[in-house]
Amino acid sequence: MKKIFLFLSFFNLVIAGQAQLKTTTRCPAFLIDILDGKVNELRSTASIGQIKEKLPCFTSAEVEGGTAKCGGGVFYKDRDIYFFTARDYVEIGPKFKGKLTIPLMGASRGNLFKWLGHPKIKDVNWDAFTTAYGILILYYSKADKVNKIQFSTRSTDTIQLCE
């Protein structure tokens, strides 16, 4: 009888030990400071570890080097924002879920001068602006509205974008 009682007690302890509550990883709201080149105080030069610690709700991550397609990074597909850590730039897509300090997403190409001045390099589908921290690249839809943003601490001469 003692053995059965001990067995049942031990069994209950094992079950109780595994029945711990688990918390869901919560991410703070994404705030992108366009003029300072930061996402929630993280620069585009932040490491994978720093990004994961500050913004733990990533959907995927690739370590830098070897087999990583674009050199590695931390990706938030559900929020449409991507950190390319080996190439030191951040990309924000049209379905970005967060806040921009300057409302660039969806802005008309003709209305950007008041915030950014003249672009350093102009193309049919994109403009590159020199900033205090590096470079800001804006891509446009056929209607000439911003639909993708990239920024980096690198210059127009040294940036390597992932295709």
C-alpha atoms as a PDB file:
ATOM      1  CA  MET A   1       0.000   0.000   0.000  1.00  0.00           C
ATOM      2  CA  LYS A   2       2.881   2.338   0.839  1.00  0.00           C
ATOM      3  CA  LYS A   3       4.441   1.698  -2.565  1.00  0.00           C
ATOM      4  CA  ILE A   4       1.209   2.533  -4.378  1.00  0.00           C
ATOM      5  CA  PHE A   5       0.784   5.708  -2.333  1.00  0.00           C
ATOM      6  CA  LEU A   6       4.404   6.758  -3.035  1.00  0.00           C
ATOM      7  CA  PHE A   7       4.005   5.980  -6.717  1.00  0.00           C
ATOM      8  CA  LEU A   8       0.800   8.052  -6.973  1.00  0.00           C
ATOM      9  CA  SER A   9       2.381  10.938  -5.037  1.00  0.00           C
ATOM     10  CA  PHE A  10       5.428  10.908  -7.301  1.00  0.00           C
ATOM     11  CA  PHE A  11       3.194  10.701 -10.386  1.00  0.00           C
ATOM     12  CA  ASN A  12       1.185  13.750  -9.209  1.00  0.00           C
ATOM     13  CA  LEU A  13       4.392  15.718  -8.638  1.00  0.00           C
ATOM     14  CA  VAL A  14       5.604  14.923 -12.146  1.00  0.00           C
ATOM     15  CA  ILE A  15       2.282  15.991 -13.679  1.00  0.00           C
ATOM     16  CA  ALA A  16       2.199  19.203 -11.596  1.00  0.00           C
ATOM     17  CA  GLY A  17       5.775  20.013 -12.596  1.00  0.00           C
ATOM     18  CA  GLN A  18       4.902  19.812 -16.281  1.00  0.00           C
ATOM     19  CA  ALA A  19       1.684  21.789 -15.954  1.00  0.00           C
ATOM     20  CA  GLN A  20       3.418  25.159 -15.581  1.00  0.00           C
ATOM     21  CA  LEU A  21       1.867  28.177 -17.219  1.00  0.00           C
ATOM     22  CA  LYS A  22       3.771  29.449 -20.195  1.00  0.00           C
ATOM     23  CA  THR A  23       3.744  33.070 -21.256  1.00  0.00           C
ATOM     24  CA  THR A  24       3.350  34.282 -24.794  1.00  0.00           C
ATOM     25  CA  THR A  25       6.203  36.386 -26.127  1.00  0.00           C
ATOM     26  CA  ARG A  26       4.994  39.956 -26.428  1.00  0.00           C
ATOM     27  CA  CYS A  27       6.629  42.531 -28.575  1.00  0.00           C
ATOM     28  CA  PRO A  28       6.490  46.246 -27.995  1.00  0.00           C
ATOM     29  CA  ALA A  29       4.953  48.372 -30.722  1.00  0.00           C
ATOM     30  CA  PHE A  30       7.422  49.053 -33.514  1.00  0.00           C
ATOM     31  CA  LEU A  31       8.453  52.718 -33.689  1.00  0.00           C
ATOM     32  CA  ILE A  32      10.696  53.721 -36.565  1.00  0.00           C
ATOM     33  CA  ASP A  33      12.557  56.998 -36.286  1.00  0.00           C
ATOM     34  CA  ILE A  34      13.251  57.809 -39.931  1.00  0.00           C
ATOM     35  CA  LEU A  35      15.498  60.833 -39.310  1.00  0.00           C
ATOM     36  CA  ASP A  36      17.607  59.041 -36.684  1.00  0.00           C
ATOM     37  CA  GLY A  37      17.684  55.628 -38.420  1.00  0.00           C
ATOM     38  CA  LYS A  38      16.378  53.564 -35.525  1.00  0.00           C
ATOM     39  CA  VAL A  39      13.741  50.922 -34.816  1.00  0.00           C
ATOM     40  CA  ASN A  40      12.829  51.016 -31.113  1.00  0.00           C
ATOM     41  CA  GLU A  41      16.266  52.515 -30.375  1.00  0.00           C
ATOM     42  CA  LEU A  42      18.031  49.802 -32.440  1.00  0.00           C
ATOM     43  CA  ARG A  43      20.294  50.943 -35.262  1.00  0.00           C
ATOM     44  CA  SER A  44      20.672  48.968 -38.474  1.00  0.00           C
ATOM     45  CA  THR A  45      24.105  47.879 -37.168  1.00  0.00           C
ATOM     46  CA  ALA A  46      22.566  45.992 -34.205  1.00  0.00           C
ATOM     47  CA  SER A  47      23.521  42.349 -33.796  1.00  0.00           C
ATOM     48  CA  ILE A  48      21.102  39.441 -34.125  1.00  0.00           C
ATOM     49  CA  GLY A  49      21.227  38.952 -30.344  1.00  0.00           C
ATOM     50  CA  GLN A  50      20.439  42.613 -29.612  1.00  0.00           C
ATOM     51  CA  ILE A  51      17.479  42.596 -32.008  1.00  0.00           C
ATOM     52  CA  LYS A  52      16.053  39.329 -30.631  1.00  0.00           C
ATOM     53  CA  GLU A  53      16.378  40.620 -27.066  1.00  0.00           C
ATOM     54  CA  LYS A  54      14.687  43.984 -27.724  1.00  0.00           C
ATOM     55  CA  LEU A  55      12.061  42.613 -30.169  1.00  0.00           C
ATOM     56  CA  PRO A  56      11.515  38.930 -29.240  1.00  0.00           C
ATOM     57  CA  CYS A  57       8.497  38.218 -31.468  1.00  0.00           C
ATOM     58  CA  PHE A  58      10.453  37.547 -34.685  1.00  0.00           C
ATOM     59  CA  THR A  59       9.045  35.061 -37.186  1.00  0.00           C
ATOM     60  CA  SER A  60      12.446  33.819 -38.358  1.00  0.00           C
ATOM     61  CA  ALA A  61      16.156  34.468 -38.057  1.00  0.00           C
ATOM     62  CA  GLU A  62      19.269  33.407 -39.963  1.00  0.00           C
ATOM     63  CA  VAL A  63      22.743  33.409 -38.488  1.00  0.00           C
ATOM     64  CA  GLU A  64      25.294  35.441 -40.390  1.00  0.00           C
ATOM     65  CA  GLY A  65      27.647  33.742 -42.783  1.00  0.00           C
ATOM     66  CA  GLY A  66      27.832  30.533 -44.795  1.00  0.00           C
ATOM     67  CA  THR A  67      24.453  29.483 -46.109  1.00  0.00           C
ATOM     68  CA  ALA A  68      22.409  32.577 -45.251  1.00  0.00           C
ATOM     69  CA  LYS A  69      20.914  33.980 -48.459  1.00  0.00           C
ATOM     70  CA  CYS A  70      21.479  37.644 -47.615  1.00  0.00           C
ATOM     71  CA  GLY A  71      24.129  37.292 -44.949  1.00  0.00           C
ATOM     72  CA  GLY A  72      21.759  36.682 -42.046  1.00  0.00           C
ATOM     73  CA  GLY A  73      19.187  38.678 -40.169  1.00  0.00           C
ATOM     74  CA  VAL A  74      16.074  38.813 -38.036  1.00  0.00           C
ATOM     75  CA  PHE A  75      12.712  38.907 -39.797  1.00  0.00           C
ATOM     76  CA  TYR A  76       9.210  39.941 -38.728  1.00  0.00           C
ATOM     77  CA  LYS A  77       7.096  38.780 -41.676  1.00  0.00           C
ATOM     78  CA  ASP A  78       3.802  39.340 -39.839  1.00  0.00           C
ATOM     79  CA  ARG A  79       4.772  43.005 -39.311  1.00  0.00           C
ATOM     80  CA  ASP A  80       6.556  43.417 -42.688  1.00  0.00           C
ATOM     81  CA  ILE A  81       9.918  44.558 -41.279  1.00  0.00           C
ATOM     82  CA  TYR A  82      13.287  42.881 -41.835  1.00  0.00           C
ATOM     83  CA  PHE A  83      16.734  43.424 -40.266  1.00  0.00           C
ATOM     84  CA  PHE A  84      19.601  42.359 -42.563  1.00  0.00           C
ATOM     85  CA  THR A  85      22.363  42.263 -39.956  1.00  0.00           C
ATOM     86  CA  ALA A  86      25.349  41.283 -42.117  1.00  0.00           C
ATOM     87  CA  ARG A  87      24.516  44.012 -44.622  1.00  0.00           C
ATOM     88  CA  ASP A  88      23.546  46.559 -41.923  1.00  0.00           C
ATOM     89  CA  TYR A  89      20.196  47.698 -43.235  1.00  0.00           C
ATOM     90  CA  VAL A  90      16.518  47.562 -42.320  1.00  0.00           C
ATOM     91  CA  GLU A  91      13.698  47.045 -44.811  1.00  0.00           C
ATOM     92  CA  ILE A  92      10.082  48.057 -44.218  1.00  0.00           C
ATOM     93  CA  GLY A  93       7.357  46.741 -46.520  1.00  0.00           C
ATOM     94  CA  PRO A  94       3.959  48.175 -47.485  1.00  0.00           C
ATOM     95  CA  LYS A  95       2.062  46.123 -44.867  1.00  0.00           C
ATOM     96  CA  PHE A  96       4.224  47.394 -41.991  1.00  0.00           C
ATOM     97  CA  LYS A  97       2.462  47.229 -38.633  1.00  0.00           C
ATOM     98  CA  GLY A  98       3.901  49.967 -36.490  1.00  0.00           C
ATOM     99  CA  LYS A  99       4.494  53.707 -36.421  1.00  0.00           C
ATOM    100  CA  LEU A 100       6.792  55.878 -38.512  1.00  0.00           C
ATOM    101  CA  THR A 101       7.954  59.236 -37.112  1.00  0.00           C
ATOM    102  CA  ILE A 102       7.482  60.660 -40.613  1.00  0.00           C
ATOM    103  CA  PRO A 103       4.476  59.205 -42.476  1.00  0.00           C
ATOM    104  CA  LEU A 104       6.433  58.053 -45.531  1.00  0.00           C
ATOM    105  CA  MET A 105       4.590  54.822 -46.343  1.00  0.00           C
ATOM    106  CA  GLY A 106       2.035  55.660 -49.018  1.00  0.00           C
ATOM    107  CA  ALA A 107       3.267  59.261 -49.316  1.00  0.00           C
ATOM    108  CA  SER A 108       3.372  60.804 -52.753  1.00  0.00           C
ATOM    109  CA  ARG A 109       6.810  61.169 -54.340  1.00  0.00           C
ATOM    110  CA  GLY A 110       6.226  64.886 -54.899  1.00  0.00           C
ATOM    111  CA  ASN A 111       5.578  65.578 -51.198  1.00  0.00           C
ATOM    112  CA  LEU A 112       8.845  64.240 -49.745  1.00  0.00           C
ATOM    113  CA  PHE A 113      11.039  67.329 -50.161  1.00  0.00           C
ATOM    114  CA  LYS A 114       9.647  69.022 -47.029  1.00  0.00           C
ATOM    115  CA  TRP A 115      10.966  66.141 -44.882  1.00  0.00           C
ATOM    116  CA  LEU A 116      13.983  64.809 -46.763  1.00  0.00           C
ATOM    117  CA  GLY A 117      15.191  67.451 -49.212  1.00  0.00           C
ATOM    118  CA  HIS A 118      16.504  66.459 -52.629  1.00  0.00           C
ATOM    119  CA  PRO A 119      17.546  62.823 -53.223  1.00  0.00           C
ATOM    120  CA  LYS A 120      21.238  62.087 -53.733  1.00  0.00           C
ATOM    121  CA  ILE A 121      20.431  59.456 -56.377  1.00  0.00           C
ATOM    122  CA  LYS A 122      17.212  59.348 -58.388  1.00  0.00           C
ATOM    123  CA  ASP A 123      15.860  56.433 -60.413  1.00  0.00           C
ATOM    124  CA  VAL A 124      12.542  55.707 -62.085  1.00  0.00           C
ATOM    125  CA  ASN A 125      11.417  53.383 -59.253  1.00  0.00           C
ATOM    126  CA  TRP A 126      13.400  54.660 -56.245  1.00  0.00           C
ATOM    127  CA  ASP A 127      15.211  57.595 -54.633  1.00  0.00           C
ATOM    128  CA  ALA A 128      18.190  57.500 -52.256  1.00  0.00           C
ATOM    129  CA  PHE A 129      18.512  60.263 -49.665  1.00  0.00           C
ATOM    130  CA  THR A 130      21.615  61.085 -47.649  1.00  0.00           C
ATOM    131  CA  THR A 131      20.841  61.275 -43.929  1.00  0.00           C
ATOM    132  CA  ALA A 132      22.813  62.135 -40.776  1.00  0.00           C
ATOM    133  CA  TYR A 133      23.235  58.398 -40.074  1.00  0.00           C
ATOM    134  CA  GLY A 134      23.763  57.102 -43.630  1.00  0.00           C
ATOM    135  CA  ILE A 135      21.221  56.469 -46.367  1.00  0.00           C
ATOM    136  CA  LEU A 136      17.452  56.227 -46.781  1.00  0.00           C
ATOM    137  CA  ILE A 137      16.068  54.533 -49.900  1.00  0.00           C
ATOM    138  CA  LEU A 138      12.412  54.903 -50.866  1.00  0.00           C
ATOM    139  CA  TYR A 139      10.770  52.705 -53.519  1.00  0.00           C
ATOM    140  CA  TYR A 140       7.658  53.774 -55.404  1.00  0.00           C
ATOM    141  CA  SER A 141       4.580  52.090 -56.823  1.00  0.00           C
ATOM    142  CA  LYS A 142       3.327  52.819 -60.333  1.00  0.00           C
ATOM    143  CA  ALA A 143       1.198  55.587 -58.774  1.00  0.00           C
ATOM    144  CA  ASP A 144       4.414  57.225 -57.416  1.00  0.00           C
ATOM    145  CA  LYS A 145       3.598  56.418 -53.787  1.00  0.00           C
ATOM    146  CA  VAL A 146       6.162  55.034 -51.323  1.00  0.00           C
ATOM    147  CA  ASN A 147       5.696  51.258 -50.958  1.00  0.00           C
ATOM    148  CA  LYS A 148       9.053  50.162 -49.489  1.00  0.00           C
ATOM    149  CA  ILE A 149      11.623  51.817 -47.224  1.00  0.00           C
ATOM    150  CA  GLN A 150      15.220  50.802 -46.603  1.00  0.00           C
ATOM    151  CA  PHE A 151      17.712  52.556 -44.347  1.00  0.00           C
ATOM    152  CA  SER A 152      21.301  51.943 -43.370  1.00  0.00           C
ATOM    153  CA  THR A 153      24.307  53.509 -41.674  1.00  0.00           C
ATOM    154  CA  ARG A 154      26.253  52.767 -44.843  1.00  0.00           C
ATOM    155  CA  SER A 155      26.603  55.144 -47.776  1.00  0.00           C
ATOM    156  CA  THR A 156      25.316  54.868 -51.341  1.00  0.00           C
ATOM    157  CA  ASP A 157      28.786  53.632 -52.350  1.00  0.00           C
ATOM    158  CA  THR A 158      29.085  50.825 -49.795  1.00  0.00           C
ATOM    159  CA  ILE A 159      25.550  49.499 -49.232  1.00  0.00           C
ATOM    160  CA  GLN A 160      24.812  45.975 -50.498  1.00  0.00           C
ATOM    161  CA  LEU A 161      21.108  45.265 -50.784  1.00  0.00           C
ATOM    162  CA  CYS A 162      19.611  41.789 -50.914  1.00  0.00           C
ATOM    163  CA  GLU A 163      17.889  41.049 -54.205  1.00  0.00           C
END
